[in-house]
Amino acid sequence: MKNTAIKLVLATSLLLVVLTIMAELNFPFGLIFFLTFLGQVLLIYTVYKVLTDKYTTDKTFDDWYEDHPMSDKD
């Protein structure tokens, strides 16, 4: 994924965590409602951006996990 997609995922996650904290601390309903709507729109846009990213790789499922290749088996 490009840095743009990663930044969107982080921003969306941060917004939704902050929103949860604000809801617990009884912030005004209008602000929480607006941020909830914004978070949902941002989440949908983030999913779209990640799925349409032009990321390519030469790895296959036969390569197993990159940090623990199958060829290292004892």
C-alpha atoms as a PDB file:
ATOM      1  CA  MET A   1       0.000   0.000   0.000  1.00  0.00           C
ATOM      2  CA  LYS A   2       1.057   3.544  -0.587  1.00  0.00           C
ATOM      3  CA  ASN A   3       1.685   5.917   2.264  1.00  0.00           C
ATOM      4  CA  THR A   4      -1.630   7.609   1.465  1.00  0.00           C
ATOM      5  CA  ALA A   5      -3.609   4.474   2.291  1.00  0.00           C
ATOM      6  CA  ILE A   6      -1.690   3.888   5.521  1.00  0.00           C
ATOM      7  CA  LYS A   7      -2.204   7.516   6.576  1.00  0.00           C
ATOM      8  CA  LEU A   8      -5.940   7.193   5.930  1.00  0.00           C
ATOM      9  CA  VAL A   9      -6.152   4.010   8.002  1.00  0.00           C
ATOM     10  CA  LEU A  10      -4.311   5.685  10.883  1.00  0.00           C
ATOM     11  CA  ALA A  11      -6.418   8.864  10.681  1.00  0.00           C
ATOM     12  CA  THR A  12      -9.663   6.879  10.609  1.00  0.00           C
ATOM     13  CA  SER A  13      -8.620   4.726  13.547  1.00  0.00           C
ATOM     14  CA  LEU A  14      -7.511   7.749  15.552  1.00  0.00           C
ATOM     15  CA  LEU A  15     -10.764   9.607  14.842  1.00  0.00           C
ATOM     16  CA  LEU A  16     -12.906   6.680  15.936  1.00  0.00           C
ATOM     17  CA  VAL A  17     -10.899   6.144  19.131  1.00  0.00           C
ATOM     18  CA  VAL A  18     -11.129   9.861  19.974  1.00  0.00           C
ATOM     19  CA  LEU A  19     -14.856   9.731  19.255  1.00  0.00           C
ATOM     20  CA  THR A  20     -15.275   6.841  21.676  1.00  0.00           C
ATOM     21  CA  ILE A  21     -13.433   8.758  24.395  1.00  0.00           C
ATOM     22  CA  MET A  22     -15.511  11.880  23.727  1.00  0.00           C
ATOM     23  CA  ALA A  23     -18.735   9.887  23.991  1.00  0.00           C
ATOM     24  CA  GLU A  24     -17.637   8.467  27.340  1.00  0.00           C
ATOM     25  CA  LEU A  25     -16.783  11.956  28.629  1.00  0.00           C
ATOM     26  CA  ASN A  26     -20.272  13.271  27.715  1.00  0.00           C
ATOM     27  CA  PHE A  27     -19.284  15.781  25.043  1.00  0.00           C
ATOM     28  CA  PRO A  28     -22.202  17.598  23.340  1.00  0.00           C
ATOM     29  CA  PHE A  29     -24.424  15.356  21.245  1.00  0.00           C
ATOM     30  CA  GLY A  30     -24.131  17.529  18.119  1.00  0.00           C
ATOM     31  CA  LEU A  31     -20.343  17.229  18.074  1.00  0.00           C
ATOM     32  CA  ILE A  32     -20.418  13.470  18.635  1.00  0.00           C
ATOM     33  CA  PHE A  33     -23.062  13.042  15.930  1.00  0.00           C
ATOM     34  CA  PHE A  34     -21.023  15.087  13.433  1.00  0.00           C
ATOM     35  CA  LEU A  35     -17.809  13.187  14.197  1.00  0.00           C
ATOM     36  CA  THR A  36     -19.646   9.853  13.945  1.00  0.00           C
ATOM     37  CA  PHE A  37     -20.921  10.803  10.501  1.00  0.00           C
ATOM     38  CA  LEU A  38     -17.460  12.048   9.476  1.00  0.00           C
ATOM     39  CA  GLY A  39     -15.869   8.845  10.799  1.00  0.00           C
ATOM     40  CA  GLN A  40     -18.244   6.651   8.804  1.00  0.00           C
ATOM     41  CA  VAL A  41     -17.609   8.602   5.600  1.00  0.00           C
ATOM     42  CA  LEU A  42     -13.860   8.471   6.226  1.00  0.00           C
ATOM     43  CA  LEU A  43     -14.050   4.725   6.889  1.00  0.00           C
ATOM     44  CA  ILE A  44     -15.857   4.067   3.603  1.00  0.00           C
ATOM     45  CA  TYR A  45     -13.380   6.270   1.713  1.00  0.00           C
ATOM     46  CA  THR A  46     -10.443   4.503   3.387  1.00  0.00           C
ATOM     47  CA  VAL A  47     -11.748   1.060   2.395  1.00  0.00           C
ATOM     48  CA  TYR A  48     -12.263   2.271  -1.182  1.00  0.00           C
ATOM     49  CA  LYS A  49      -8.761   3.789  -1.306  1.00  0.00           C
ATOM     50  CA  VAL A  50      -7.103   0.627   0.073  1.00  0.00           C
ATOM     51  CA  LEU A  51      -8.984  -1.681  -2.327  1.00  0.00           C
ATOM     52  CA  THR A  52      -8.245   0.447  -5.399  1.00  0.00           C
ATOM     53  CA  ASP A  53      -4.579   0.987  -4.546  1.00  0.00           C
ATOM     54  CA  LYS A  54      -2.222   0.075  -7.409  1.00  0.00           C
ATOM     55  CA  TYR A  55      -0.044  -2.114  -5.166  1.00  0.00           C
ATOM     56  CA  THR A  56       1.657  -5.077  -6.833  1.00  0.00           C
ATOM     57  CA  THR A  57       4.011  -7.728  -5.519  1.00  0.00           C
ATOM     58  CA  ASP A  58       5.896 -10.719  -6.838  1.00  0.00           C
ATOM     59  CA  LYS A  59       5.061 -12.784  -3.741  1.00  0.00           C
ATOM     60  CA  THR A  60       2.651 -15.714  -3.905  1.00  0.00           C
ATOM     61  CA  PHE A  61       0.981 -17.914  -1.305  1.00  0.00           C
ATOM     62  CA  ASP A  62       3.811 -20.410  -1.855  1.00  0.00           C
ATOM     63  CA  ASP A  63       6.195 -17.878  -0.259  1.00  0.00           C
ATOM     64  CA  TRP A  64       4.330 -18.342   3.035  1.00  0.00           C
ATOM     65  CA  TYR A  65       5.100 -15.622   5.598  1.00  0.00           C
ATOM     66  CA  GLU A  66       7.883 -13.231   4.765  1.00  0.00           C
ATOM     67  CA  ASP A  67       9.298 -13.288   8.297  1.00  0.00           C
ATOM     68  CA  HIS A  68       9.127 -17.091   8.551  1.00  0.00           C
ATOM     69  CA  PRO A  69       9.530 -18.800   5.152  1.00  0.00           C
ATOM     70  CA  MET A  70       8.553 -22.434   4.696  1.00  0.00           C
ATOM     71  CA  SER A  71      12.107 -23.307   3.559  1.00  0.00           C
ATOM     72  CA  ASP A  72      13.444 -22.656   7.081  1.00  0.00           C
ATOM     73  CA  LYS A  73      11.485 -25.599   8.487  1.00  0.00           C
ATOM     74  CA  ASP A  74      13.597 -28.157  10.365  1.00  0.00           C
END
